[in-house]
Amino acid sequence: MKEQKLFLYIVLVLLPFSAIAKTTKYFGIGKTRATLRTEKGKSEWGRFVGLGVEYSRPSFLLLAIEAAYTTKTVILENKSWPSNFGVDHSGKHIGDVPIDGSYFEIATKGGYHFQIFGKLASVKLFVGPAISTRIRYLSSFRANIHLDYDPEKGPYEFDYLRCESEGVSGTSIDSIFGVDISYKAIGVEIRYARSLTERKCLRGLTINDKLDSLYILLRYAF
């Protein structure tokens, strides 16, 4: 329901502004760098491919909407979790937990657009909301070691417990802000997405955290 209200708000804002502003379509490619806010972990570079449409008036407002495919990976190294739901009589897995996935994202931008160097270049500052939906996980658990349950030692202690259930896809809402510097049709964008949604269950484990992301993108307007 929150996602539907957000999408309706985006449409109601963009439609009237697009009638009076210059329209630019663009293609973007680049890298992503995800980080769990609390657990941190080891970040690995992911990919970004997207298309967008931008409505702007020089020295005035900027509005844009963008759809993209992204991948993100954070590795939680040397962690432990139970082999089943019965924690008191469970074996123990030890290894690296890949918090990774491919995502479909819709981002919207609102900000200020001004031109420099005789209108050959421009700078755009923006903020806005984004919706990110996981498509699938990318890899399996790494360096997995299994320890059988030993009644004499009693229950193991674990870094994470197992979730009761989890669907493959999960939707989160992010708050984005960034800057785009363009020369003619070529631009470089740096964007940061701060998650507003807690991911309570990741890879079937109870990892209660938020996933933030840095984007470094190359854009081409057409």
N, C-alpha and C. Protein backbone atom coordinates (compact mmCIF):
# COMPACT_ATOMS: atom_id res chain seq x y z
N MET A 1 0.82 -1.21 0.00
CA MET A 1 0.00 0.00 0.00
C MET A 1 0.86 1.27 0.00
N LYS A 2 1.96 1.28 0.79
CA LYS A 2 2.84 2.44 0.81
C LYS A 2 3.46 2.68 -0.55
N GLU A 3 3.85 1.58 -1.24
CA GLU A 3 4.46 1.70 -2.55
C GLU A 3 3.47 2.26 -3.57
N GLN A 4 2.19 1.85 -3.49
CA GLN A 4 1.17 2.35 -4.42
C GLN A 4 0.92 3.84 -4.21
N LYS A 5 0.86 4.29 -2.98
CA LYS A 5 0.66 5.71 -2.69
C LYS A 5 1.84 6.53 -3.17
N LEU A 6 3.05 6.00 -3.00
CA LEU A 6 4.24 6.71 -3.46
C LEU A 6 4.24 6.85 -4.97
N PHE A 7 3.88 5.78 -5.69
CA PHE A 7 3.84 5.83 -7.15
C PHE A 7 2.79 6.84 -7.63
N LEU A 8 1.62 6.88 -6.99
CA LEU A 8 0.57 7.84 -7.37
C LEU A 8 1.04 9.26 -7.14
N TYR A 9 1.74 9.51 -6.05
CA TYR A 9 2.27 10.84 -5.76
C TYR A 9 3.27 11.27 -6.83
N ILE A 10 4.13 10.34 -7.25
CA ILE A 10 5.11 10.64 -8.29
C ILE A 10 4.42 11.07 -9.58
N VAL A 11 3.39 10.33 -10.00
CA VAL A 11 2.68 10.63 -11.24
C VAL A 11 2.01 12.00 -11.15
N LEU A 12 1.36 12.32 -10.05
CA LEU A 12 0.66 13.58 -9.89
C LEU A 12 1.61 14.78 -9.92
N VAL A 13 2.84 14.59 -9.45
CA VAL A 13 3.83 15.67 -9.46
C VAL A 13 4.44 15.85 -10.85
N LEU A 14 4.78 14.74 -11.51
CA LEU A 14 5.50 14.81 -12.78
C LEU A 14 4.65 15.30 -13.93
N LEU A 15 3.39 14.91 -14.00
CA LEU A 15 2.56 15.22 -15.17
C LEU A 15 2.43 16.71 -15.44
N PRO A 16 2.04 17.56 -14.47
CA PRO A 16 1.91 18.99 -14.79
C PRO A 16 3.23 19.66 -15.10
N PHE A 17 4.31 19.25 -14.43
CA PHE A 17 5.61 19.88 -14.66
C PHE A 17 6.16 19.52 -16.04
N SER A 18 5.89 18.31 -16.51
CA SER A 18 6.44 17.87 -17.80
C SER A 18 5.88 18.67 -18.96
N ALA A 19 4.73 19.30 -18.79
CA ALA A 19 4.12 20.07 -19.88
C ALA A 19 4.86 21.38 -20.15
N ILE A 20 5.62 21.89 -19.18
CA ILE A 20 6.27 23.19 -19.35
C ILE A 20 7.79 23.09 -19.35
N ALA A 21 8.34 21.89 -19.18
CA ALA A 21 9.79 21.73 -19.05
C ALA A 21 10.37 20.97 -20.23
N LYS A 22 11.68 21.10 -20.39
CA LYS A 22 12.40 20.35 -21.41
C LYS A 22 12.50 18.88 -20.99
N THR A 23 12.27 17.99 -21.96
CA THR A 23 12.32 16.56 -21.68
C THR A 23 13.60 15.96 -22.23
N THR A 24 14.31 15.20 -21.38
CA THR A 24 15.54 14.52 -21.79
C THR A 24 15.48 13.08 -21.35
N LYS A 25 15.73 12.17 -22.29
CA LYS A 25 15.83 10.75 -21.96
C LYS A 25 17.31 10.40 -21.81
N TYR A 26 17.59 9.46 -20.93
CA TYR A 26 19.00 9.11 -20.73
C TYR A 26 19.15 7.62 -20.40
N PHE A 27 20.36 7.14 -20.70
CA PHE A 27 20.76 5.77 -20.40
C PHE A 27 21.92 5.83 -19.42
N GLY A 28 21.89 4.99 -18.40
CA GLY A 28 22.93 5.03 -17.39
C GLY A 28 23.52 3.66 -17.11
N ILE A 29 24.84 3.61 -16.92
CA ILE A 29 25.52 2.39 -16.48
C ILE A 29 26.49 2.78 -15.37
N GLY A 30 26.84 1.80 -14.54
CA GLY A 30 27.79 2.13 -13.49
C GLY A 30 27.92 1.06 -12.45
N LYS A 31 28.38 1.47 -11.27
CA LYS A 31 28.67 0.56 -10.18
C LYS A 31 27.87 0.93 -8.94
N THR A 32 27.59 -0.09 -8.13
CA THR A 32 26.94 0.12 -6.83
C THR A 32 27.83 -0.45 -5.73
N ARG A 33 27.70 0.12 -4.56
CA ARG A 33 28.46 -0.36 -3.40
C ARG A 33 27.51 -0.36 -2.20
N ALA A 34 27.08 -1.54 -1.77
CA ALA A 34 26.09 -1.66 -0.71
C ALA A 34 26.77 -1.87 0.64
N THR A 35 26.09 -1.41 1.70
CA THR A 35 26.60 -1.56 3.06
C THR A 35 25.44 -1.79 4.01
N LEU A 36 25.57 -2.81 4.86
CA LEU A 36 24.62 -2.97 5.95
C LEU A 36 24.95 -1.95 7.03
N ARG A 37 23.95 -1.23 7.49
CA ARG A 37 24.21 -0.08 8.37
C ARG A 37 24.80 -0.49 9.72
N THR A 38 24.34 -1.58 10.29
CA THR A 38 24.82 -2.01 11.61
C THR A 38 25.89 -3.08 11.51
N GLU A 39 25.63 -4.12 10.73
CA GLU A 39 26.56 -5.24 10.63
C GLU A 39 27.81 -4.91 9.81
N LYS A 40 27.70 -3.89 8.94
CA LYS A 40 28.79 -3.50 8.05
C LYS A 40 29.10 -4.63 7.08
N GLY A 41 30.11 -5.46 7.33
CA GLY A 41 30.47 -6.52 6.41
C GLY A 41 31.41 -6.04 5.33
N LYS A 42 31.81 -6.97 4.46
CA LYS A 42 32.72 -6.69 3.37
C LYS A 42 31.92 -6.38 2.11
N SER A 43 32.06 -5.18 1.59
CA SER A 43 31.29 -4.76 0.42
C SER A 43 32.01 -5.15 -0.86
N GLU A 44 31.24 -5.58 -1.86
CA GLU A 44 31.77 -5.86 -3.18
C GLU A 44 31.00 -5.02 -4.20
N TRP A 45 31.67 -4.63 -5.28
CA TRP A 45 31.04 -3.78 -6.28
C TRP A 45 29.96 -4.55 -7.05
N GLY A 46 28.83 -3.87 -7.28
CA GLY A 46 27.77 -4.43 -8.08
C GLY A 46 27.57 -3.60 -9.35
N ARG A 47 26.56 -3.96 -10.13
CA ARG A 47 26.31 -3.32 -11.43
C ARG A 47 25.02 -2.51 -11.41
N PHE A 48 24.96 -1.54 -12.33
CA PHE A 48 23.77 -0.71 -12.52
C PHE A 48 23.55 -0.51 -14.02
N VAL A 49 22.34 -0.76 -14.49
CA VAL A 49 21.93 -0.43 -15.86
C VAL A 49 20.53 0.15 -15.77
N GLY A 50 20.33 1.36 -16.31
CA GLY A 50 19.03 1.98 -16.17
C GLY A 50 18.67 2.93 -17.29
N LEU A 51 17.39 3.24 -17.38
CA LEU A 51 16.83 4.23 -18.30
C LEU A 51 16.00 5.23 -17.51
N GLY A 52 16.06 6.49 -17.94
CA GLY A 52 15.30 7.50 -17.23
C GLY A 52 14.80 8.59 -18.15
N VAL A 53 13.86 9.36 -17.65
CA VAL A 53 13.36 10.55 -18.34
C VAL A 53 13.39 11.70 -17.35
N GLU A 54 13.86 12.83 -17.84
CA GLU A 54 14.11 13.98 -16.98
C GLU A 54 13.39 15.20 -17.52
N TYR A 55 12.75 15.93 -16.63
CA TYR A 55 12.08 17.19 -16.97
C TYR A 55 12.78 18.30 -16.22
N SER A 56 13.28 19.30 -16.96
CA SER A 56 14.04 20.35 -16.29
C SER A 56 13.91 21.67 -17.04
N ARG A 57 14.12 22.72 -16.30
CA ARG A 57 14.24 24.07 -16.85
C ARG A 57 15.52 24.65 -16.28
N PRO A 58 16.48 25.08 -17.14
CA PRO A 58 17.75 25.62 -16.65
C PRO A 58 17.53 26.72 -15.62
N SER A 59 18.38 26.71 -14.61
CA SER A 59 18.28 27.65 -13.49
C SER A 59 16.91 27.56 -12.82
N PHE A 60 16.38 26.35 -12.80
CA PHE A 60 15.06 26.16 -12.20
C PHE A 60 15.00 24.73 -11.67
N LEU A 61 13.80 24.21 -11.58
CA LEU A 61 13.59 22.90 -10.98
C LEU A 61 13.92 21.75 -11.91
N LEU A 62 14.21 20.62 -11.30
CA LEU A 62 14.49 19.37 -12.01
C LEU A 62 13.60 18.28 -11.41
N LEU A 63 12.96 17.51 -12.28
CA LEU A 63 12.21 16.33 -11.86
C LEU A 63 12.58 15.18 -12.80
N ALA A 64 12.69 13.97 -12.27
CA ALA A 64 13.07 12.83 -13.11
C ALA A 64 12.52 11.55 -12.51
N ILE A 65 12.34 10.54 -13.37
CA ILE A 65 11.97 9.20 -12.94
C ILE A 65 12.82 8.21 -13.71
N GLU A 66 13.23 7.13 -13.04
CA GLU A 66 14.22 6.22 -13.61
C GLU A 66 13.90 4.79 -13.20
N ALA A 67 14.08 3.85 -14.13
CA ALA A 67 13.94 2.42 -13.85
C ALA A 67 15.29 1.76 -14.11
N ALA A 68 15.71 0.85 -13.22
CA ALA A 68 17.05 0.29 -13.34
C ALA A 68 17.10 -1.14 -12.82
N TYR A 69 18.10 -1.87 -13.35
CA TYR A 69 18.46 -3.19 -12.84
C TYR A 69 19.79 -3.03 -12.12
N THR A 70 19.87 -3.49 -10.88
CA THR A 70 21.10 -3.35 -10.11
C THR A 70 21.45 -4.68 -9.43
N THR A 71 22.71 -4.84 -9.08
CA THR A 71 23.15 -5.94 -8.22
C THR A 71 23.93 -5.36 -7.05
N LYS A 72 23.81 -6.00 -5.88
CA LYS A 72 24.48 -5.52 -4.67
C LYS A 72 24.94 -6.72 -3.86
N THR A 73 26.12 -6.58 -3.24
CA THR A 73 26.68 -7.67 -2.45
C THR A 73 27.40 -7.15 -1.22
N VAL A 74 27.06 -7.73 -0.07
CA VAL A 74 27.80 -7.52 1.18
C VAL A 74 28.08 -8.91 1.75
N ILE A 75 29.32 -9.19 2.14
CA ILE A 75 29.69 -10.48 2.70
C ILE A 75 29.89 -10.35 4.21
N LEU A 76 29.11 -11.11 4.98
CA LEU A 76 29.29 -11.19 6.42
C LEU A 76 30.20 -12.37 6.69
N GLU A 77 31.43 -12.09 7.09
CA GLU A 77 32.46 -13.12 7.17
C GLU A 77 32.48 -13.83 8.52
N ASN A 78 32.72 -15.15 8.47
CA ASN A 78 32.92 -15.99 9.65
C ASN A 78 31.77 -15.86 10.65
N LYS A 79 30.56 -16.08 10.17
CA LYS A 79 29.37 -16.04 11.02
C LYS A 79 28.84 -17.45 11.25
N SER A 80 27.95 -17.59 12.22
CA SER A 80 27.39 -18.91 12.54
C SER A 80 25.87 -18.84 12.60
N TRP A 81 25.22 -19.97 12.27
CA TRP A 81 23.76 -20.07 12.30
C TRP A 81 23.38 -21.54 12.49
N PRO A 82 22.19 -21.82 13.02
CA PRO A 82 21.79 -23.21 13.28
C PRO A 82 21.43 -23.95 12.00
N SER A 83 21.60 -25.27 12.02
CA SER A 83 21.27 -26.08 10.86
C SER A 83 19.77 -26.34 10.75
N ASN A 84 19.01 -26.08 11.81
CA ASN A 84 17.54 -26.22 11.75
C ASN A 84 16.92 -25.22 12.71
N PHE A 85 15.59 -25.28 12.84
CA PHE A 85 14.88 -24.31 13.67
C PHE A 85 14.95 -24.65 15.15
N GLY A 86 15.23 -25.91 15.47
CA GLY A 86 15.33 -26.30 16.88
C GLY A 86 16.67 -25.90 17.45
N VAL A 87 16.77 -24.68 17.96
CA VAL A 87 18.06 -24.12 18.38
C VAL A 87 18.71 -24.94 19.49
N ASP A 88 17.92 -25.47 20.42
CA ASP A 88 18.48 -26.19 21.56
C ASP A 88 19.10 -27.54 21.16
N HIS A 89 18.69 -28.09 20.02
CA HIS A 89 19.21 -29.39 19.58
C HIS A 89 19.64 -29.30 18.11
N SER A 90 20.35 -28.24 17.80
CA SER A 90 20.71 -27.99 16.41
C SER A 90 22.22 -28.08 16.21
N GLY A 91 22.60 -28.53 15.02
CA GLY A 91 23.99 -28.42 14.61
C GLY A 91 24.31 -26.97 14.27
N LYS A 92 25.58 -26.72 13.97
CA LYS A 92 26.04 -25.35 13.76
C LYS A 92 26.75 -25.22 12.42
N HIS A 93 26.34 -24.20 11.64
CA HIS A 93 27.04 -23.85 10.41
C HIS A 93 27.92 -22.64 10.69
N ILE A 94 29.15 -22.68 10.16
CA ILE A 94 30.06 -21.54 10.27
C ILE A 94 30.57 -21.21 8.88
N GLY A 95 30.49 -19.97 8.49
CA GLY A 95 30.96 -19.58 7.16
C GLY A 95 30.63 -18.15 6.84
N ASP A 96 30.74 -17.79 5.58
CA ASP A 96 30.45 -16.43 5.11
C ASP A 96 29.03 -16.37 4.59
N VAL A 97 28.31 -15.34 4.98
CA VAL A 97 26.92 -15.15 4.56
C VAL A 97 26.88 -14.05 3.50
N PRO A 98 26.55 -14.38 2.25
CA PRO A 98 26.48 -13.35 1.21
C PRO A 98 25.10 -12.67 1.21
N ILE A 99 25.08 -11.42 1.61
CA ILE A 99 23.85 -10.62 1.52
C ILE A 99 23.87 -9.98 0.13
N ASP A 100 23.42 -10.72 -0.85
CA ASP A 100 23.52 -10.25 -2.23
C ASP A 100 22.18 -10.41 -2.94
N GLY A 101 22.07 -9.79 -4.08
CA GLY A 101 20.84 -9.91 -4.85
C GLY A 101 20.85 -9.02 -6.07
N SER A 102 19.97 -9.37 -6.99
CA SER A 102 19.66 -8.48 -8.11
C SER A 102 18.36 -7.78 -7.79
N TYR A 103 18.23 -6.52 -8.24
CA TYR A 103 17.10 -5.68 -7.86
C TYR A 103 16.52 -4.95 -9.07
N PHE A 104 15.21 -4.74 -9.02
CA PHE A 104 14.55 -3.79 -9.92
C PHE A 104 14.22 -2.56 -9.10
N GLU A 105 14.66 -1.40 -9.59
CA GLU A 105 14.50 -0.18 -8.80
C GLU A 105 13.83 0.92 -9.62
N ILE A 106 12.97 1.66 -8.97
CA ILE A 106 12.37 2.87 -9.53
C ILE A 106 12.77 4.03 -8.63
N ALA A 107 13.48 4.99 -9.19
CA ALA A 107 13.94 6.15 -8.43
C ALA A 107 13.33 7.42 -9.01
N THR A 108 13.02 8.35 -8.15
CA THR A 108 12.54 9.67 -8.58
C THR A 108 13.44 10.74 -7.98
N LYS A 109 13.59 11.84 -8.74
CA LYS A 109 14.48 12.91 -8.32
C LYS A 109 13.77 14.25 -8.41
N GLY A 110 14.01 15.06 -7.45
CA GLY A 110 13.56 16.44 -7.48
C GLY A 110 14.69 17.32 -7.00
N GLY A 111 14.96 18.41 -7.71
CA GLY A 111 16.09 19.23 -7.30
C GLY A 111 16.23 20.49 -8.10
N TYR A 112 17.47 20.94 -8.24
CA TYR A 112 17.77 22.22 -8.90
C TYR A 112 18.77 21.97 -10.02
N HIS A 113 18.56 22.64 -11.15
CA HIS A 113 19.38 22.46 -12.35
C HIS A 113 19.92 23.83 -12.77
N PHE A 114 21.25 23.95 -12.86
CA PHE A 114 21.81 25.20 -13.36
C PHE A 114 22.93 24.91 -14.35
N GLN A 115 23.14 25.84 -15.30
CA GLN A 115 24.10 25.65 -16.37
C GLN A 115 25.37 26.46 -16.12
N ILE A 116 26.51 25.95 -16.67
CA ILE A 116 27.80 26.62 -16.51
C ILE A 116 28.56 26.55 -17.84
N PHE A 117 29.65 27.31 -17.94
CA PHE A 117 30.51 27.32 -19.13
C PHE A 117 29.70 27.60 -20.40
N GLY A 118 28.97 28.68 -20.38
CA GLY A 118 28.21 29.07 -21.56
C GLY A 118 27.16 28.06 -21.96
N LYS A 119 26.54 27.43 -21.00
CA LYS A 119 25.46 26.47 -21.21
C LYS A 119 25.91 25.15 -21.83
N LEU A 120 27.25 24.94 -21.94
CA LEU A 120 27.74 23.66 -22.45
C LEU A 120 27.69 22.57 -21.39
N ALA A 121 27.75 22.96 -20.13
CA ALA A 121 27.75 22.00 -19.03
C ALA A 121 26.66 22.37 -18.04
N SER A 122 26.30 21.42 -17.20
CA SER A 122 25.27 21.67 -16.21
C SER A 122 25.55 20.87 -14.94
N VAL A 123 25.02 21.36 -13.85
CA VAL A 123 25.11 20.70 -12.56
C VAL A 123 23.69 20.54 -12.02
N LYS A 124 23.39 19.34 -11.54
CA LYS A 124 22.06 19.05 -11.01
C LYS A 124 22.21 18.46 -9.62
N LEU A 125 21.53 19.06 -8.66
CA LEU A 125 21.49 18.56 -7.29
C LEU A 125 20.09 18.02 -7.04
N PHE A 126 19.98 16.83 -6.46
CA PHE A 126 18.65 16.22 -6.34
C PHE A 126 18.51 15.38 -5.07
N VAL A 127 17.26 15.20 -4.69
CA VAL A 127 16.86 14.27 -3.62
C VAL A 127 15.59 13.57 -4.10
N GLY A 128 15.18 12.56 -3.38
CA GLY A 128 13.93 11.92 -3.75
C GLY A 128 13.77 10.53 -3.14
N PRO A 129 12.60 9.91 -3.34
CA PRO A 129 12.36 8.54 -2.88
C PRO A 129 12.66 7.53 -3.97
N ALA A 130 12.93 6.30 -3.57
CA ALA A 130 13.15 5.20 -4.50
C ALA A 130 12.55 3.92 -3.95
N ILE A 131 12.11 3.06 -4.84
CA ILE A 131 11.57 1.75 -4.46
C ILE A 131 12.50 0.68 -5.04
N SER A 132 12.91 -0.27 -4.19
CA SER A 132 13.82 -1.33 -4.61
C SER A 132 13.19 -2.68 -4.29
N THR A 133 13.06 -3.53 -5.32
CA THR A 133 12.48 -4.87 -5.14
C THR A 133 13.50 -5.93 -5.54
N ARG A 134 13.81 -6.83 -4.63
CA ARG A 134 14.78 -7.88 -4.93
C ARG A 134 14.19 -8.89 -5.91
N ILE A 135 14.94 -9.23 -6.94
CA ILE A 135 14.51 -10.22 -7.93
C ILE A 135 14.93 -11.62 -7.49
N ARG A 136 16.21 -11.78 -7.15
CA ARG A 136 16.70 -13.09 -6.69
C ARG A 136 18.05 -12.90 -5.99
N TYR A 137 18.43 -13.91 -5.22
CA TYR A 137 19.78 -13.95 -4.66
C TYR A 137 20.76 -14.38 -5.75
N LEU A 138 22.04 -14.04 -5.56
CA LEU A 138 23.03 -14.25 -6.61
C LEU A 138 23.94 -15.44 -6.37
N SER A 139 24.15 -15.85 -5.14
CA SER A 139 25.12 -16.91 -4.87
C SER A 139 24.69 -17.74 -3.67
N SER A 140 25.44 -18.79 -3.40
CA SER A 140 25.17 -19.65 -2.26
C SER A 140 26.09 -19.26 -1.10
N PHE A 141 25.83 -19.85 0.07
CA PHE A 141 26.67 -19.57 1.23
C PHE A 141 28.11 -20.05 0.98
N ARG A 142 29.08 -19.33 1.54
CA ARG A 142 30.48 -19.59 1.24
C ARG A 142 31.21 -20.23 2.43
N ALA A 143 32.22 -21.06 2.13
CA ALA A 143 33.12 -21.64 3.14
C ALA A 143 32.33 -22.21 4.31
N ASN A 144 31.35 -23.04 4.01
CA ASN A 144 30.44 -23.54 5.03
C ASN A 144 31.06 -24.73 5.78
N ILE A 145 31.14 -24.63 7.11
CA ILE A 145 31.61 -25.71 7.98
C ILE A 145 30.44 -26.14 8.87
N HIS A 146 30.21 -27.44 8.98
CA HIS A 146 29.10 -27.94 9.78
C HIS A 146 29.62 -28.67 11.00
N LEU A 147 29.07 -28.34 12.18
CA LEU A 147 29.36 -29.03 13.43
C LEU A 147 28.10 -29.72 13.91
N ASP A 148 28.17 -31.03 14.14
CA ASP A 148 27.02 -31.78 14.63
C ASP A 148 26.71 -31.39 16.07
N TYR A 149 25.44 -31.55 16.41
CA TYR A 149 25.01 -31.26 17.78
C TYR A 149 25.63 -32.28 18.74
N ASP A 150 26.18 -31.79 19.83
CA ASP A 150 26.81 -32.64 20.84
C ASP A 150 26.06 -32.45 22.17
N PRO A 151 25.28 -33.47 22.61
CA PRO A 151 24.50 -33.32 23.85
C PRO A 151 25.36 -32.99 25.07
N GLU A 152 26.60 -33.45 25.10
CA GLU A 152 27.45 -33.20 26.26
C GLU A 152 27.86 -31.73 26.35
N LYS A 153 27.99 -31.07 25.19
CA LYS A 153 28.36 -29.65 25.20
C LYS A 153 27.17 -28.73 25.35
N GLY A 154 25.96 -29.27 25.08
CA GLY A 154 24.76 -28.45 25.18
C GLY A 154 24.55 -27.59 23.94
N PRO A 155 23.57 -26.68 23.97
CA PRO A 155 23.24 -25.87 22.79
C PRO A 155 24.41 -24.97 22.37
N TYR A 156 24.55 -24.80 21.08
CA TYR A 156 25.53 -23.85 20.55
C TYR A 156 25.01 -22.43 20.68
N GLU A 157 25.92 -21.48 20.61
CA GLU A 157 25.55 -20.07 20.45
C GLU A 157 25.72 -19.70 18.98
N PHE A 158 24.83 -18.81 18.50
CA PHE A 158 24.81 -18.47 17.07
C PHE A 158 24.82 -16.96 16.88
N ASP A 159 25.42 -16.53 15.76
CA ASP A 159 25.33 -15.11 15.39
C ASP A 159 23.92 -14.76 14.90
N TYR A 160 23.32 -15.67 14.12
CA TYR A 160 21.98 -15.44 13.58
C TYR A 160 21.15 -16.71 13.72
N LEU A 161 19.85 -16.55 13.92
CA LEU A 161 18.92 -17.67 13.92
C LEU A 161 18.23 -17.74 12.56
N ARG A 162 17.52 -18.82 12.34
CA ARG A 162 16.79 -18.98 11.08
C ARG A 162 15.45 -18.26 11.14
N CYS A 163 15.01 -17.74 10.00
CA CYS A 163 13.69 -17.12 9.90
C CYS A 163 12.63 -18.22 9.74
N GLU A 164 11.43 -17.91 10.15
CA GLU A 164 10.33 -18.85 9.95
C GLU A 164 10.04 -19.06 8.48
N SER A 165 10.02 -17.95 7.72
CA SER A 165 9.78 -18.04 6.27
C SER A 165 10.22 -16.74 5.62
N GLU A 166 10.55 -16.83 4.35
CA GLU A 166 10.95 -15.63 3.59
C GLU A 166 10.71 -15.86 2.11
N GLY A 167 10.01 -14.92 1.46
CA GLY A 167 9.87 -14.97 0.02
C GLY A 167 11.14 -14.47 -0.65
N VAL A 168 11.33 -14.80 -1.92
CA VAL A 168 12.53 -14.37 -2.63
C VAL A 168 12.56 -12.86 -2.81
N SER A 169 11.41 -12.29 -3.16
CA SER A 169 11.38 -10.85 -3.41
C SER A 169 11.00 -10.09 -2.15
N GLY A 170 11.65 -8.95 -1.94
CA GLY A 170 11.33 -8.08 -0.84
C GLY A 170 11.47 -6.65 -1.29
N THR A 171 10.53 -5.82 -0.91
CA THR A 171 10.52 -4.42 -1.36
C THR A 171 10.92 -3.50 -0.23
N SER A 172 11.75 -2.52 -0.55
CA SER A 172 12.15 -1.52 0.43
C SER A 172 12.04 -0.14 -0.18
N ILE A 173 11.94 0.85 0.66
CA ILE A 173 11.88 2.25 0.25
C ILE A 173 13.15 2.94 0.72
N ASP A 174 13.79 3.67 -0.20
CA ASP A 174 15.03 4.38 0.11
C ASP A 174 14.84 5.88 -0.07
N SER A 175 15.68 6.63 0.59
CA SER A 175 15.77 8.08 0.38
C SER A 175 17.09 8.35 -0.33
N ILE A 176 17.02 8.96 -1.52
CA ILE A 176 18.24 9.19 -2.30
C ILE A 176 18.59 10.67 -2.35
N PHE A 177 19.89 10.95 -2.49
CA PHE A 177 20.37 12.32 -2.74
C PHE A 177 21.69 12.22 -3.49
N GLY A 178 21.96 13.22 -4.34
CA GLY A 178 23.17 13.13 -5.13
C GLY A 178 23.40 14.34 -6.01
N VAL A 179 24.41 14.22 -6.89
CA VAL A 179 24.77 15.29 -7.80
C VAL A 179 25.08 14.69 -9.17
N ASP A 180 24.70 15.41 -10.22
CA ASP A 180 24.99 15.01 -11.59
C ASP A 180 25.70 16.17 -12.28
N ILE A 181 26.88 15.88 -12.86
CA ILE A 181 27.64 16.88 -13.60
C ILE A 181 27.72 16.43 -15.05
N SER A 182 27.21 17.26 -15.98
CA SER A 182 27.12 16.85 -17.38
C SER A 182 27.82 17.85 -18.29
N TYR A 183 28.41 17.31 -19.36
CA TYR A 183 28.95 18.14 -20.44
C TYR A 183 28.32 17.66 -21.73
N LYS A 184 27.48 18.52 -22.32
CA LYS A 184 26.68 18.15 -23.48
C LYS A 184 25.84 16.92 -23.14
N ALA A 185 26.06 15.79 -23.85
CA ALA A 185 25.20 14.62 -23.63
C ALA A 185 25.76 13.64 -22.60
N ILE A 186 27.01 13.86 -22.14
CA ILE A 186 27.67 12.93 -21.23
C ILE A 186 27.64 13.48 -19.81
N GLY A 187 27.32 12.62 -18.86
CA GLY A 187 27.28 13.06 -17.47
C GLY A 187 27.79 12.01 -16.51
N VAL A 188 28.24 12.46 -15.35
CA VAL A 188 28.66 11.57 -14.27
C VAL A 188 27.78 11.87 -13.06
N GLU A 189 27.20 10.83 -12.49
CA GLU A 189 26.31 11.00 -11.35
C GLU A 189 26.83 10.21 -10.16
N ILE A 190 26.81 10.84 -8.99
CA ILE A 190 27.13 10.18 -7.73
C ILE A 190 25.89 10.28 -6.85
N ARG A 191 25.43 9.14 -6.40
CA ARG A 191 24.16 9.08 -5.66
C ARG A 191 24.31 8.19 -4.43
N TYR A 192 23.64 8.57 -3.35
CA TYR A 192 23.62 7.73 -2.16
C TYR A 192 22.17 7.43 -1.80
N ALA A 193 21.89 6.15 -1.56
CA ALA A 193 20.54 5.73 -1.19
C ALA A 193 20.56 5.25 0.26
N ARG A 194 19.84 5.92 1.10
CA ARG A 194 19.75 5.54 2.52
C ARG A 194 18.42 4.85 2.74
N SER A 195 18.47 3.61 3.19
CA SER A 195 17.27 2.80 3.31
C SER A 195 16.38 3.28 4.46
N LEU A 196 15.08 3.29 4.21
CA LEU A 196 14.09 3.59 5.23
C LEU A 196 13.41 2.32 5.74
N THR A 197 13.76 1.18 5.15
CA THR A 197 13.10 -0.09 5.46
C THR A 197 14.09 -1.07 6.08
N GLU A 198 13.73 -1.61 7.22
CA GLU A 198 14.57 -2.61 7.87
C GLU A 198 14.39 -3.97 7.20
N ARG A 199 15.49 -4.63 6.85
CA ARG A 199 15.45 -5.97 6.29
C ARG A 199 15.55 -6.95 7.46
N LYS A 200 14.44 -7.54 7.84
CA LYS A 200 14.41 -8.39 9.03
C LYS A 200 14.89 -9.80 8.76
N CYS A 201 14.76 -10.27 7.53
CA CYS A 201 15.12 -11.64 7.21
C CYS A 201 15.88 -11.65 5.88
N LEU A 202 17.16 -11.98 5.93
CA LEU A 202 17.99 -12.02 4.73
C LEU A 202 18.66 -13.38 4.62
N ARG A 203 18.56 -13.98 3.44
CA ARG A 203 19.11 -15.31 3.20
C ARG A 203 18.57 -16.34 4.18
N GLY A 204 17.33 -16.14 4.63
CA GLY A 204 16.72 -17.07 5.57
C GLY A 204 17.21 -16.94 6.99
N LEU A 205 17.99 -15.88 7.30
CA LEU A 205 18.52 -15.67 8.64
C LEU A 205 17.97 -14.37 9.22
N THR A 206 17.88 -14.30 10.53
CA THR A 206 17.30 -13.13 11.20
C THR A 206 18.35 -12.03 11.32
N ILE A 207 18.60 -11.36 10.23
CA ILE A 207 19.54 -10.24 10.20
C ILE A 207 18.72 -8.96 10.12
N ASN A 208 18.53 -8.33 11.24
CA ASN A 208 17.70 -7.12 11.30
C ASN A 208 18.58 -5.90 11.04
N ASP A 209 18.51 -5.39 9.81
CA ASP A 209 19.42 -4.31 9.44
C ASP A 209 18.85 -3.55 8.24
N LYS A 210 19.49 -2.46 7.90
CA LYS A 210 19.11 -1.67 6.73
C LYS A 210 20.27 -1.66 5.74
N LEU A 211 19.93 -1.75 4.45
CA LEU A 211 20.93 -1.84 3.39
C LEU A 211 21.00 -0.51 2.65
N ASP A 212 22.12 0.21 2.82
CA ASP A 212 22.35 1.48 2.13
C ASP A 212 23.25 1.24 0.93
N SER A 213 23.22 2.17 -0.04
CA SER A 213 23.98 1.95 -1.28
C SER A 213 24.56 3.24 -1.83
N LEU A 214 25.77 3.14 -2.37
CA LEU A 214 26.42 4.21 -3.11
C LEU A 214 26.39 3.85 -4.59
N TYR A 215 26.07 4.84 -5.45
CA TYR A 215 26.03 4.64 -6.90
C TYR A 215 27.02 5.60 -7.56
N ILE A 216 27.84 5.08 -8.47
CA ILE A 216 28.71 5.90 -9.31
C ILE A 216 28.36 5.56 -10.76
N LEU A 217 27.78 6.52 -11.49
CA LEU A 217 27.15 6.23 -12.77
C LEU A 217 27.68 7.13 -13.89
N LEU A 218 27.70 6.56 -15.08
CA LEU A 218 27.96 7.32 -16.31
C LEU A 218 26.67 7.40 -17.08
N ARG A 219 26.27 8.60 -17.48
CA ARG A 219 24.99 8.79 -18.16
C ARG A 219 25.19 9.35 -19.56
N TYR A 220 24.28 8.94 -20.44
CA TYR A 220 24.30 9.47 -21.80
C TYR A 220 22.87 9.89 -22.16
N ALA A 221 22.69 11.17 -22.49
CA ALA A 221 21.37 11.70 -22.84
C ALA A 221 21.13 11.55 -24.33
N PHE A 222 19.88 11.20 -24.68
CA PHE A 222 19.54 11.06 -26.10
C PHE A 222 18.13 11.58 -26.37
